[in-house]
Amino acid sequence: MSAGSKKEHCVRVCMRPYIDCCKLRELAEGQAVEFHAIAEAVDWLKQNREQVLEGAVVVIAGVAFVVAFGGGGILFLVPVISFASSDVVSEPRVLAVKP
């Protein structure tokens, strides 16, 4: 790739905004945005903070998080498991069937 070529310009200047745009489009469509590492997710969230919607799902290394905002505009990633109920089911979940 020669210096000053169209390909070099695209890779150096255009690729990151393009990838960010694609990920924002996924958010707008209600799909989860997926990252392989926390650092990558944090960088992306910093760059796109104003476009991220509360309640959007972000997947980091296979773990799902929901975007939430706190006081002062602080962005939180809340693990989806936090929304699971801790109530113990007192009735058995077996259905009795008579032939």
C-alpha atoms as a PDB file:
ATOM      1  CA  MET A   1       0.000   0.000   0.000  1.00  0.00           C
ATOM      2  CA  SER A   2       1.699   3.184  -1.150  1.00  0.00           C
ATOM      3  CA  ALA A   3       1.633   6.318   0.982  1.00  0.00           C
ATOM      4  CA  GLY A   4      -1.109   8.664  -0.156  1.00  0.00           C
ATOM      5  CA  SER A   5      -3.085   5.926  -1.914  1.00  0.00           C
ATOM      6  CA  LYS A   6      -6.875   5.761  -1.691  1.00  0.00           C
ATOM      7  CA  LYS A   7      -6.678   2.459   0.183  1.00  0.00           C
ATOM      8  CA  GLU A   8      -4.215   3.854   2.731  1.00  0.00           C
ATOM      9  CA  HIS A   9      -6.444   6.916   3.238  1.00  0.00           C
ATOM     10  CA  CYS A  10      -9.505   4.728   3.710  1.00  0.00           C
ATOM     11  CA  VAL A  11      -7.822   2.425   6.232  1.00  0.00           C
ATOM     12  CA  ARG A  12      -6.190   5.268   8.165  1.00  0.00           C
ATOM     13  CA  VAL A  13      -8.994   7.858   8.129  1.00  0.00           C
ATOM     14  CA  CYS A  14     -12.314   6.290   7.179  1.00  0.00           C
ATOM     15  CA  MET A  15     -12.339   2.785   8.659  1.00  0.00           C
ATOM     16  CA  ARG A  16     -12.991   3.692  12.341  1.00  0.00           C
ATOM     17  CA  PRO A  17     -15.928   6.056  11.587  1.00  0.00           C
ATOM     18  CA  TYR A  18     -17.342   3.427   9.226  1.00  0.00           C
ATOM     19  CA  ILE A  19     -17.174   0.703  11.879  1.00  0.00           C
ATOM     20  CA  ASP A  20     -18.724   3.072  14.444  1.00  0.00           C
ATOM     21  CA  CYS A  21     -21.518   3.886  12.010  1.00  0.00           C
ATOM     22  CA  CYS A  22     -22.251   0.200  11.441  1.00  0.00           C
ATOM     23  CA  LYS A  23     -22.426  -0.423  15.193  1.00  0.00           C
ATOM     24  CA  LEU A  24     -24.747   2.564  15.689  1.00  0.00           C
ATOM     25  CA  ARG A  25     -27.006   1.205  12.963  1.00  0.00           C
ATOM     26  CA  GLU A  26     -27.171  -2.100  14.866  1.00  0.00           C
ATOM     27  CA  LEU A  27     -28.200  -0.205  18.015  1.00  0.00           C
ATOM     28  CA  ALA A  28     -30.903   1.655  16.114  1.00  0.00           C
ATOM     29  CA  GLU A  29     -32.287  -1.645  14.856  1.00  0.00           C
ATOM     30  CA  GLY A  30     -32.597  -2.922  18.413  1.00  0.00           C
ATOM     31  CA  GLN A  31     -29.794  -5.451  18.104  1.00  0.00           C
ATOM     32  CA  ALA A  32     -27.020  -5.834  20.631  1.00  0.00           C
ATOM     33  CA  VAL A  33     -23.645  -4.279  19.886  1.00  0.00           C
ATOM     34  CA  GLU A  34     -20.958  -6.915  20.404  1.00  0.00           C
ATOM     35  CA  PHE A  35     -17.336  -6.517  21.474  1.00  0.00           C
ATOM     36  CA  HIS A  36     -14.616  -9.058  22.217  1.00  0.00           C
ATOM     37  CA  ALA A  37     -12.897  -7.072  24.993  1.00  0.00           C
ATOM     38  CA  ILE A  38     -13.876  -4.461  27.570  1.00  0.00           C
ATOM     39  CA  ALA A  39     -11.308  -1.901  26.356  1.00  0.00           C
ATOM     40  CA  GLU A  40     -12.798  -1.978  22.847  1.00  0.00           C
ATOM     41  CA  ALA A  41     -16.309  -1.487  24.274  1.00  0.00           C
ATOM     42  CA  VAL A  42     -15.257   1.392  26.546  1.00  0.00           C
ATOM     43  CA  ASP A  43     -13.482   3.177  23.671  1.00  0.00           C
ATOM     44  CA  TRP A  44     -16.536   2.798  21.445  1.00  0.00           C
ATOM     45  CA  LEU A  45     -18.901   3.988  24.185  1.00  0.00           C
ATOM     46  CA  LYS A  46     -16.723   7.058  24.837  1.00  0.00           C
ATOM     47  CA  GLN A  47     -16.757   7.970  21.133  1.00  0.00           C
ATOM     48  CA  ASN A  48     -20.502   7.352  20.730  1.00  0.00           C
ATOM     49  CA  ARG A  49     -21.838   8.366  24.128  1.00  0.00           C
ATOM     50  CA  GLU A  50     -24.483  10.756  22.794  1.00  0.00           C
ATOM     51  CA  GLN A  51     -25.902   8.240  20.327  1.00  0.00           C
ATOM     52  CA  VAL A  52     -26.202   5.323  22.772  1.00  0.00           C
ATOM     53  CA  LEU A  53     -29.754   4.793  23.980  1.00  0.00           C
ATOM     54  CA  GLU A  54     -30.656   3.851  27.535  1.00  0.00           C
ATOM     55  CA  GLY A  55     -31.763   0.229  27.556  1.00  0.00           C
ATOM     56  CA  ALA A  56     -29.550  -0.730  24.608  1.00  0.00           C
ATOM     57  CA  VAL A  57     -27.838  -4.105  24.941  1.00  0.00           C
ATOM     58  CA  VAL A  58     -24.044  -4.292  24.719  1.00  0.00           C
ATOM     59  CA  VAL A  59     -22.374  -7.712  24.608  1.00  0.00           C
ATOM     60  CA  ILE A  60     -18.785  -7.862  25.847  1.00  0.00           C
ATOM     61  CA  ALA A  61     -16.958 -11.188  25.570  1.00  0.00           C
ATOM     62  CA  GLY A  62     -20.276 -13.045  25.525  1.00  0.00           C
ATOM     63  CA  VAL A  63     -21.756 -11.248  28.560  1.00  0.00           C
ATOM     64  CA  ALA A  64     -24.832  -9.069  27.966  1.00  0.00           C
ATOM     65  CA  PHE A  65     -25.069  -5.617  29.580  1.00  0.00           C
ATOM     66  CA  VAL A  66     -27.866  -3.043  29.480  1.00  0.00           C
ATOM     67  CA  VAL A  67     -26.923   0.631  29.117  1.00  0.00           C
ATOM     68  CA  ALA A  68     -28.191   2.833  31.961  1.00  0.00           C
ATOM     69  CA  PHE A  69     -27.509   6.448  32.860  1.00  0.00           C
ATOM     70  CA  GLY A  70     -27.043   7.784  36.383  1.00  0.00           C
ATOM     71  CA  GLY A  71     -26.896  11.231  37.897  1.00  0.00           C
ATOM     72  CA  GLY A  72     -24.588  13.640  36.118  1.00  0.00           C
ATOM     73  CA  GLY A  73     -24.887  11.684  32.876  1.00  0.00           C
ATOM     74  CA  ILE A  74     -22.729   8.797  34.091  1.00  0.00           C
ATOM     75  CA  LEU A  75     -23.084   5.795  31.817  1.00  0.00           C
ATOM     76  CA  PHE A  76     -23.418   2.370  33.468  1.00  0.00           C
ATOM     77  CA  LEU A  77     -23.242  -1.078  31.947  1.00  0.00           C
ATOM     78  CA  VAL A  78     -25.522  -3.251  34.081  1.00  0.00           C
ATOM     79  CA  PRO A  79     -25.134  -7.030  33.632  1.00  0.00           C
ATOM     80  CA  VAL A  80     -28.385  -8.537  32.385  1.00  0.00           C
ATOM     81  CA  ILE A  81     -28.162 -11.168  35.140  1.00  0.00           C
ATOM     82  CA  SER A  82     -28.877  -8.302  37.593  1.00  0.00           C
ATOM     83  CA  PHE A  83     -32.460  -8.274  36.323  1.00  0.00           C
ATOM     84  CA  ALA A  84     -33.031 -11.948  37.093  1.00  0.00           C
ATOM     85  CA  SER A  85     -35.425 -12.682  39.925  1.00  0.00           C
ATOM     86  CA  SER A  86     -34.046 -14.159  43.115  1.00  0.00           C
ATOM     87  CA  ASP A  87     -37.501 -15.302  44.245  1.00  0.00           C
ATOM     88  CA  VAL A  88     -37.637 -18.956  45.146  1.00  0.00           C
ATOM     89  CA  VAL A  89     -40.474 -20.801  43.489  1.00  0.00           C
ATOM     90  CA  SER A  90     -42.483 -22.471  46.253  1.00  0.00           C
ATOM     91  CA  GLU A  91     -44.609 -24.639  43.983  1.00  0.00           C
ATOM     92  CA  PRO A  92     -43.190 -27.493  41.956  1.00  0.00           C
ATOM     93  CA  ARG A  93     -43.091 -26.907  38.225  1.00  0.00           C
ATOM     94  CA  VAL A  94     -44.417 -30.337  37.346  1.00  0.00           C
ATOM     95  CA  LEU A  95     -47.661 -30.809  35.537  1.00  0.00           C
ATOM     96  CA  ALA A  96     -49.665 -33.865  36.559  1.00  0.00           C
ATOM     97  CA  VAL A  97     -51.370 -35.502  33.610  1.00  0.00           C
ATOM     98  CA  LYS A  98     -53.920 -38.316  33.852  1.00  0.00           C
ATOM     99  CA  PRO A  99     -54.114 -40.691  30.905  1.00  0.00           C
END
